[in-house]
Amino acid sequence: MTRSQMFTADRIQMQYPLSLGVYDQYVKAQQVVDYLAENNFPVQNVELVGTELRSVERVTGRLTRSKIAAAGALSGLWIGLFVGIAFSLFSDRSQLGFLITTPLLGAVFGLVWSQLGYSTATRRGTRDFTSVDQIVATKYEVLVEHGYAARARELLAAMPRDMTT
């Protein structure tokens, strides 16, 4: 571990954190920290920790051979156009030929390549959809360094109830 990594790890980890509360929503935990900050509490001694993690996968659409083909051809067309522009800039021959043939060749190449990768992308038909996945916390715990816990609890006892509900 390098010196800078040790310095960063020391600054992030608390020596002896104590819990101020567990909240169902991040916004409520954030309101607690905001309240502490507004009351001149040294919030650099506070951590928000997401707990009870779960994986959420949002299906965004169906993945078909034609969609893969269109995306591959379009991608190849753009790459071919870029190559054609580069060739036409550095060539003393007919630039129009480069600008027409390289995008077409790129589109054909992209189309063929996408079809070769289709079975891999769909896991041979067992996963023919697109999705986005993320890890989300279901609970959020507010922790404070032990030396500041009593002051933080004192401030939170005076916090209006409607701020965290």
Protein backbone atom coordinates (compact mmCIF):
# COMPACT_ATOMS: atom_id res chain seq x y z
CA MET A 1 0.00 0.00 0.00
CA THR A 2 1.41 3.38 -0.97
CA ARG A 3 1.67 6.31 1.39
CA SER A 4 -1.16 8.18 -0.37
CA GLN A 5 -3.44 5.11 -0.16
CA MET A 6 -2.76 4.78 3.59
CA PHE A 7 -3.47 8.49 4.11
CA THR A 8 -6.76 8.24 2.21
CA ALA A 9 -7.82 5.06 4.04
CA ASP A 10 -7.06 6.68 7.42
CA ARG A 11 -9.14 9.73 6.54
CA ILE A 12 -12.13 7.64 5.43
CA GLN A 13 -12.24 5.08 8.23
CA MET A 14 -13.25 6.13 11.70
CA GLN A 15 -11.46 4.78 14.76
CA TYR A 16 -14.58 3.87 16.72
CA PRO A 17 -17.84 4.85 14.99
CA LEU A 18 -21.12 4.87 16.90
CA SER A 19 -24.57 4.76 15.32
CA LEU A 20 -26.84 7.79 15.48
CA GLY A 21 -29.69 6.07 13.67
CA VAL A 22 -30.80 3.86 10.79
CA TYR A 23 -33.11 5.24 8.10
CA ASP A 24 -35.15 3.62 5.34
CA GLN A 25 -34.40 6.38 2.85
CA TYR A 26 -31.15 8.12 1.97
CA VAL A 27 -32.89 11.50 2.05
CA LYS A 28 -33.74 11.06 5.74
CA ALA A 29 -30.15 10.17 6.63
CA GLN A 30 -28.99 13.15 4.58
CA GLN A 31 -31.39 15.44 6.48
CA VAL A 32 -29.79 14.33 9.75
CA VAL A 33 -26.33 15.25 8.48
CA ASP A 34 -27.63 18.56 7.07
CA TYR A 35 -29.17 19.38 10.45
CA LEU A 36 -25.90 18.62 12.20
CA ALA A 37 -24.01 20.81 9.71
CA GLU A 38 -26.46 23.70 10.17
CA ASN A 39 -25.81 23.52 13.91
CA ASN A 40 -22.03 23.82 13.48
CA PHE A 41 -21.32 20.16 14.19
CA PRO A 42 -18.00 18.95 12.69
CA VAL A 43 -19.61 16.76 10.00
CA GLN A 44 -16.22 15.46 8.80
CA ASN A 45 -16.67 13.04 11.73
CA VAL A 46 -19.90 11.61 10.28
CA GLU A 47 -20.39 8.72 7.85
CA LEU A 48 -23.44 7.66 5.86
CA VAL A 49 -23.32 3.91 5.34
CA GLY A 50 -25.65 2.04 3.01
CA THR A 51 -26.55 -1.37 4.46
CA GLU A 52 -28.68 -4.36 3.51
CA LEU A 53 -27.54 -4.26 -0.09
CA ARG A 54 -29.52 -5.80 -2.91
CA SER A 55 -29.03 -6.16 -6.62
CA VAL A 56 -31.64 -4.54 -8.87
CA GLU A 57 -31.76 -5.26 -12.59
CA ARG A 58 -34.00 -3.07 -14.75
CA VAL A 59 -34.96 -4.61 -18.08
CA THR A 60 -34.69 -1.92 -20.74
CA GLY A 61 -35.80 -3.77 -23.86
CA ARG A 62 -35.82 -6.85 -26.01
CA LEU A 63 -32.66 -7.85 -27.82
CA THR A 64 -33.34 -9.15 -31.33
CA ARG A 65 -31.06 -10.17 -34.18
CA SER A 66 -32.29 -7.21 -36.25
CA LYS A 67 -31.55 -4.70 -33.46
CA ILE A 68 -28.04 -6.12 -33.09
CA ALA A 69 -27.59 -5.97 -36.89
CA ALA A 70 -28.75 -2.35 -37.10
CA ALA A 71 -26.51 -1.29 -34.21
CA GLY A 72 -23.52 -3.10 -35.72
CA ALA A 73 -24.08 -1.60 -39.16
CA LEU A 74 -24.49 1.91 -37.74
CA SER A 75 -21.37 1.57 -35.63
CA GLY A 76 -19.42 0.28 -38.62
CA LEU A 77 -20.73 3.10 -40.78
CA TRP A 78 -19.44 5.72 -38.33
CA ILE A 79 -16.05 4.06 -38.07
CA GLY A 80 -15.89 3.77 -41.86
CA LEU A 81 -16.80 7.43 -42.25
CA PHE A 82 -14.05 8.40 -39.83
CA VAL A 83 -11.51 6.28 -41.73
CA GLY A 84 -12.76 7.73 -45.04
CA ILE A 85 -12.32 11.29 -43.78
CA ALA A 86 -8.82 10.46 -42.53
CA PHE A 87 -7.89 8.88 -45.89
CA SER A 88 -9.32 11.81 -47.85
CA LEU A 89 -7.40 14.34 -45.77
CA PHE A 90 -4.06 12.63 -46.35
CA SER A 91 -4.53 11.45 -49.92
CA ASP A 92 -4.02 13.26 -53.19
CA ARG A 93 -6.40 10.91 -55.04
CA SER A 94 -10.17 11.08 -55.32
CA GLN A 95 -11.55 11.93 -51.88
CA LEU A 96 -15.15 11.21 -52.88
CA GLY A 97 -14.32 7.55 -53.41
CA PHE A 98 -12.98 7.25 -49.86
CA LEU A 99 -15.98 9.02 -48.41
CA ILE A 100 -18.41 6.64 -50.13
CA THR A 101 -16.68 3.26 -49.96
CA THR A 102 -15.21 3.28 -46.45
CA PRO A 103 -18.54 3.93 -44.67
CA LEU A 104 -20.21 1.21 -46.78
CA LEU A 105 -17.43 -1.25 -46.07
CA GLY A 106 -17.54 -0.28 -42.39
CA ALA A 107 -21.29 -0.88 -42.26
CA VAL A 108 -20.93 -4.31 -43.87
CA PHE A 109 -18.09 -5.21 -41.52
CA GLY A 110 -20.10 -4.01 -38.49
CA LEU A 111 -23.15 -5.96 -39.62
CA VAL A 112 -21.21 -9.20 -40.07
CA TRP A 113 -19.30 -8.76 -36.83
CA SER A 114 -22.51 -8.06 -34.88
CA GLN A 115 -24.10 -11.26 -36.16
CA LEU A 116 -21.06 -13.25 -35.12
CA GLY A 117 -21.40 -11.79 -31.63
CA TYR A 118 -25.18 -12.19 -31.41
CA SER A 119 -25.13 -15.63 -29.81
CA THR A 120 -22.60 -14.42 -27.24
CA ALA A 121 -24.62 -11.29 -26.45
CA THR A 122 -27.83 -13.29 -25.95
CA ARG A 123 -26.09 -16.24 -24.29
CA ARG A 124 -27.35 -18.47 -27.09
CA GLY A 125 -30.92 -17.29 -26.72
CA THR A 126 -31.23 -17.67 -22.95
CA ARG A 127 -30.94 -13.93 -22.36
CA ASP A 128 -32.47 -11.99 -25.23
CA PHE A 129 -33.09 -8.72 -23.42
CA THR A 130 -31.07 -5.69 -22.43
CA SER A 131 -30.87 -4.42 -18.88
CA VAL A 132 -29.09 -2.14 -16.47
CA ASP A 133 -28.18 -3.42 -13.03
CA GLN A 134 -27.05 -1.73 -9.87
CA ILE A 135 -26.43 -2.44 -6.21
CA VAL A 136 -28.68 -0.41 -3.92
CA ALA A 137 -28.90 -0.06 -0.16
CA THR A 138 -32.21 -0.60 1.59
CA LYS A 139 -31.13 1.04 4.88
CA TYR A 140 -28.84 3.97 5.61
CA GLU A 141 -26.99 4.27 8.90
CA VAL A 142 -25.56 7.53 10.19
CA LEU A 143 -22.34 6.93 12.12
CA VAL A 144 -20.29 9.41 14.13
CA GLU A 145 -16.83 9.19 15.65
CA HIS A 146 -17.14 8.16 19.31
CA GLY A 147 -15.67 11.39 20.66
CA TYR A 148 -18.46 13.40 19.01
CA ALA A 149 -21.39 11.04 19.66
CA ALA A 150 -22.73 12.75 22.78
CA ARG A 151 -22.83 16.18 21.10
CA ALA A 152 -24.46 14.72 17.97
CA ARG A 153 -27.15 12.97 20.01
CA GLU A 154 -27.79 16.16 21.95
CA LEU A 155 -28.33 18.10 18.72
CA LEU A 156 -30.53 15.38 17.21
CA ALA A 157 -32.71 15.31 20.34
CA ALA A 158 -33.57 18.94 19.57
CA MET A 159 -34.18 18.26 15.88
CA PRO A 160 -37.79 18.91 14.81
CA ARG A 161 -39.61 15.60 14.20
CA ASP A 162 -41.08 16.69 10.85
CA MET A 163 -37.58 16.89 9.34
CA THR A 164 -37.04 13.10 9.41
CA THR A 165 -40.53 11.83 8.72
